Amino acid sequence: MKPRPGIDTPDHRGRTGLNQAGRDLDRNPDIRVRDVELTSQGWHVLRRTTFDHRRRDGRWETQTRETYDRGNGAVVLPYDTARGCVLLSRQFRYPAYVNDHPDGMLIEAAAGLLDADDPPTAIRRESAEELGVTLGPLTRVLDAYMSPGSVTERLHFFAAPYTPADRTGTGGGLEEDGEDIEVLELPFAEALAMTRDGRIADGKTILLLQWAALDGPFAPAAGTG
């Protein structure tokens, strides 16, 4: 049999055994993984997994699901309560553009993959690269699966204060990664309004802005002593 990159031999990222993910899962007695097929690997990995599922009425059935594995990520909302603003980004997102977004230019909270870092380290790295800001103390907001029907990614949500003095870089992302990111400093009230009228349509960003208004630094209770 011809060696298969990513399975028998290293692929372009030096990975092997990509078809083994999930084969040993046994935490749920109602799920028995039967086979994992590697269907595509570029920078990320697409797998087709066949498993037996015991339904609530006791019957077993065989199902097949495709999963897109891009690793886990982190996202942050930098905020300045003294000036009442937040720091966001705007960049072109082809998947949104091809799915009816007017121009594909999405306003988002800074985010990125963890790669080999822990979530706090990764989000400080991304904030410096994308926004040119050095974050203050991080608040962990929550962890969430953003598209659990097909994408394996677990996203770690953070918020952190910043001041004008903390904006020590130009941001913009990494050109070698194809990034061309515009840094936006917006009044928090305007950013929140943008989630209501559709100018902000990114899920992770909407979640963080609503958290900031309900339970975070811009919640009514946050300003009372």
Protein backbone atom coordinates (compact mmCIF):
# COMPACT_ATOMS: atom_id res chain seq x y z
CA MET A 1 0.00 0.00 0.00
CA LYS A 2 1.24 3.47 -0.87
CA PRO A 3 2.22 5.47 2.25
CA ARG A 4 -0.46 7.96 3.20
CA PRO A 5 0.67 11.44 4.31
CA GLY A 6 -0.75 12.35 7.70
CA ILE A 7 -1.45 8.70 8.48
CA ASP A 8 1.64 6.57 7.80
CA THR A 9 4.10 9.34 6.96
CA PRO A 10 4.38 12.96 8.13
CA ASP A 11 2.28 15.48 6.24
CA HIS A 12 3.40 19.05 5.46
CA ARG A 13 3.00 19.94 9.16
CA GLY A 14 4.86 16.85 10.38
CA ARG A 15 1.73 15.06 11.60
CA THR A 16 1.04 11.32 11.50
CA GLY A 17 -1.82 9.17 12.82
CA LEU A 18 -4.46 11.76 11.98
CA ASN A 19 -6.98 8.95 11.47
CA GLN A 20 -6.65 7.85 15.11
CA ALA A 21 -8.47 10.77 16.75
CA GLY A 22 -11.51 9.54 18.67
CA ARG A 23 -10.93 5.81 18.22
CA ASP A 24 -10.34 5.26 21.95
CA LEU A 25 -13.23 7.37 23.25
CA ASP A 26 -15.17 5.50 25.96
CA ARG A 27 -16.56 8.22 28.23
CA ASN A 28 -20.10 7.76 26.92
CA PRO A 29 -21.36 4.14 27.18
CA ASP A 30 -24.02 4.92 24.57
CA ILE A 31 -21.42 5.75 21.89
CA ARG A 32 -19.05 3.18 20.32
CA VAL A 33 -16.63 4.50 17.69
CA ARG A 34 -16.21 2.01 14.86
CA ASP A 35 -14.02 3.77 12.28
CA VAL A 36 -12.28 7.10 11.62
CA GLU A 37 -11.47 8.05 8.04
CA LEU A 38 -9.19 10.94 7.15
CA THR A 39 -10.91 12.64 4.21
CA SER A 40 -8.85 15.81 3.87
CA GLN A 41 -5.97 17.55 5.54
CA GLY A 42 -4.66 20.97 4.69
CA TRP A 43 -3.74 23.27 7.53
CA HIS A 44 -6.72 21.75 9.38
CA VAL A 45 -8.24 18.27 9.25
CA LEU A 46 -11.53 16.83 8.01
CA ARG A 47 -12.53 13.38 9.28
CA ARG A 48 -15.47 11.06 8.70
CA THR A 49 -16.27 9.02 11.82
CA THR A 50 -18.64 6.04 11.97
CA PHE A 51 -20.05 5.16 15.38
CA ASP A 52 -22.85 3.19 17.01
CA HIS A 53 -25.33 5.25 19.01
CA ARG A 54 -27.74 3.78 21.55
CA ARG A 55 -30.95 5.77 21.34
CA ARG A 56 -33.01 6.68 24.39
CA ASP A 57 -35.39 3.77 23.67
CA GLY A 58 -32.46 1.32 23.83
CA ARG A 59 -32.07 0.65 20.11
CA TRP A 60 -28.60 0.86 18.59
CA GLU A 61 -28.06 2.57 15.25
CA THR A 62 -24.98 3.32 13.18
CA GLN A 63 -24.31 6.95 12.30
CA THR A 64 -21.63 8.77 10.32
CA ARG A 65 -20.50 12.32 11.04
CA GLU A 66 -17.89 14.60 9.49
CA THR A 67 -15.85 16.76 11.83
CA TYR A 68 -13.63 19.72 11.00
CA ASP A 69 -10.67 19.92 13.39
CA ARG A 70 -8.94 23.29 13.43
CA GLY A 71 -7.72 23.09 17.02
CA ASN A 72 -9.00 25.13 19.95
CA GLY A 73 -8.93 28.90 20.15
CA ALA A 74 -9.24 31.98 22.35
CA VAL A 75 -10.99 35.33 21.99
CA VAL A 76 -10.83 38.53 24.04
CA LEU A 77 -12.75 41.77 24.51
CA PRO A 78 -10.36 44.57 25.54
CA TYR A 79 -12.25 47.35 27.34
CA ASP A 80 -11.56 50.80 28.74
CA THR A 81 -14.27 51.71 31.25
CA ALA A 82 -12.78 55.15 31.95
CA ARG A 83 -13.38 56.19 28.34
CA GLY A 84 -16.33 53.82 27.78
CA CYS A 85 -14.87 52.00 24.78
CA VAL A 86 -13.78 48.62 23.48
CA LEU A 87 -11.13 47.50 21.02
CA LEU A 88 -12.26 45.40 18.06
CA SER A 89 -10.99 44.50 14.60
CA ARG A 90 -12.29 44.41 11.04
CA GLN A 91 -11.09 42.01 8.37
CA PHE A 92 -12.25 40.15 5.28
CA ARG A 93 -13.81 36.73 5.93
CA TYR A 94 -14.40 34.75 2.76
CA PRO A 95 -16.74 32.14 4.34
CA ALA A 96 -19.09 34.95 5.42
CA TYR A 97 -18.74 36.68 2.04
CA VAL A 98 -19.72 33.55 0.12
CA ASN A 99 -22.71 33.09 2.44
CA ASP A 100 -24.54 36.36 1.78
CA HIS A 101 -22.57 38.86 3.88
CA PRO A 102 -22.54 42.09 1.83
CA ASP A 103 -18.77 42.55 1.59
CA GLY A 104 -17.24 39.94 3.90
CA MET A 105 -15.71 42.62 6.14
CA LEU A 106 -16.56 41.42 9.65
CA ILE A 107 -16.13 43.37 12.86
CA GLU A 108 -14.82 40.98 15.49
CA ALA A 109 -13.17 40.58 18.85
CA ALA A 110 -9.53 39.56 18.49
CA ALA A 111 -9.16 35.78 18.37
CA GLY A 112 -6.84 33.03 17.26
CA LEU A 113 -5.88 29.40 17.60
CA LEU A 114 -4.01 28.22 20.66
CA ASP A 115 -1.42 26.29 18.68
CA ALA A 116 1.03 25.09 21.36
CA ASP A 117 0.14 27.79 23.91
CA ASP A 118 -2.27 27.83 26.83
CA PRO A 119 -5.35 30.07 26.34
CA PRO A 120 -4.08 33.14 28.29
CA THR A 121 -0.73 33.09 26.49
CA ALA A 122 -2.39 32.62 23.12
CA ILE A 123 -4.84 35.50 23.53
CA ARG A 124 -2.11 37.88 24.69
CA ARG A 125 -0.14 36.93 21.58
CA GLU A 126 -3.13 37.48 19.31
CA SER A 127 -3.98 40.82 20.92
CA ALA A 128 -0.46 42.08 20.33
CA GLU A 129 -0.44 40.86 16.71
CA GLU A 130 -3.96 41.90 15.72
CA LEU A 131 -4.64 44.95 17.88
CA GLY A 132 -1.21 46.18 18.92
CA VAL A 133 -2.29 46.23 22.57
CA THR A 134 -0.81 44.83 25.77
CA LEU A 135 -3.70 43.50 27.83
CA GLY A 136 -4.22 44.05 31.53
CA PRO A 137 -5.37 41.24 33.85
CA LEU A 138 -7.46 38.66 32.04
CA THR A 139 -10.95 37.70 33.14
CA ARG A 140 -12.03 34.25 31.99
CA VAL A 141 -15.62 34.61 30.81
CA LEU A 142 -16.52 31.11 29.63
CA ASP A 143 -15.63 28.27 27.27
CA ALA A 144 -17.98 27.30 24.44
CA TYR A 145 -18.34 25.03 21.44
CA MET A 146 -19.41 27.45 18.72
CA SER A 147 -20.56 25.01 16.03
CA PRO A 148 -20.77 21.59 17.73
CA GLY A 149 -22.57 19.85 14.89
CA SER A 150 -19.46 19.84 12.70
CA VAL A 151 -16.52 21.79 14.18
CA THR A 152 -14.52 20.38 17.09
CA GLU A 153 -13.15 23.74 18.27
CA ARG A 154 -13.64 24.82 21.87
CA LEU A 155 -13.28 28.59 22.22
CA HIS A 156 -11.95 30.20 25.40
CA PHE A 157 -13.53 33.63 26.05
CA PHE A 158 -11.70 36.40 27.91
CA ALA A 159 -12.04 40.08 28.68
CA ALA A 160 -9.27 42.43 29.79
CA PRO A 161 -8.81 46.13 30.56
CA TYR A 162 -6.52 48.37 28.56
CA THR A 163 -5.60 52.06 28.47
CA PRO A 164 -4.34 54.28 25.63
CA ALA A 165 -0.81 53.75 26.98
CA ASP A 166 -1.20 50.00 26.45
CA ARG A 167 -1.57 50.44 22.68
CA THR A 168 2.12 50.00 21.99
CA GLY A 169 1.95 48.47 18.49
CA THR A 170 0.19 49.02 15.19
CA GLY A 171 -1.61 45.67 15.10
CA GLY A 172 -2.88 44.49 11.74
CA GLY A 173 -2.00 40.81 12.10
CA LEU A 174 0.73 38.87 10.33
CA GLU A 175 1.15 39.60 6.63
CA GLU A 176 2.79 36.21 6.10
CA ASP A 177 -0.47 34.61 7.27
CA GLY A 178 -2.48 36.71 4.83
CA GLU A 179 -3.87 38.96 7.58
CA ASP A 180 -4.81 42.57 6.88
CA ILE A 181 -6.65 43.67 10.02
CA GLU A 182 -8.05 47.11 10.76
CA VAL A 183 -8.09 48.06 14.45
CA LEU A 184 -11.32 49.72 15.64
CA GLU A 185 -11.78 51.55 18.93
CA LEU A 186 -15.51 52.02 19.43
CA PRO A 187 -17.72 53.44 22.17
CA PHE A 188 -19.19 50.47 23.98
CA ALA A 189 -22.76 51.71 23.51
CA GLU A 190 -22.22 51.93 19.76
CA ALA A 191 -20.65 48.46 19.59
CA LEU A 192 -23.60 47.00 21.48
CA ALA A 193 -26.04 48.76 19.15
CA MET A 194 -24.17 47.27 16.19
CA THR A 195 -25.05 43.78 17.44
CA ARG A 196 -28.72 44.74 17.22
CA ASP A 197 -28.73 46.26 13.74
CA GLY A 198 -26.47 43.66 12.09
CA ARG A 199 -23.31 45.69 11.67
CA ILE A 200 -21.67 43.20 14.03
CA ALA A 201 -22.67 39.70 12.90
CA ASP A 202 -19.89 37.60 14.42
CA GLY A 203 -21.16 35.22 17.10
CA LYS A 204 -18.21 35.30 19.48
CA THR A 205 -18.15 39.09 19.42
CA ILE A 206 -21.89 39.39 20.06
CA LEU A 207 -21.56 37.04 23.02
CA LEU A 208 -18.72 39.04 24.59
CA LEU A 209 -20.43 42.41 24.09
CA GLN A 210 -23.66 41.14 25.61
CA TRP A 211 -21.73 39.63 28.53
CA ALA A 212 -20.01 42.99 29.06
CA ALA A 213 -23.40 44.70 29.19
CA LEU A 214 -25.11 42.15 31.44
CA ASP A 215 -22.40 40.82 33.77
CA GLY A 216 -19.13 42.45 32.76
CA PRO A 217 -17.43 45.83 33.02
CA PHE A 218 -20.34 47.80 31.52
CA ALA A 219 -23.10 46.11 33.53
CA PRO A 220 -25.16 48.55 35.63
CA ALA A 221 -23.95 46.96 38.88
CA ALA A 222 -20.33 47.41 37.81
CA GLY A 223 -20.63 51.16 38.17
CA THR A 224 -22.14 51.18 41.67
CA GLY A 225 -20.31 51.03 44.92
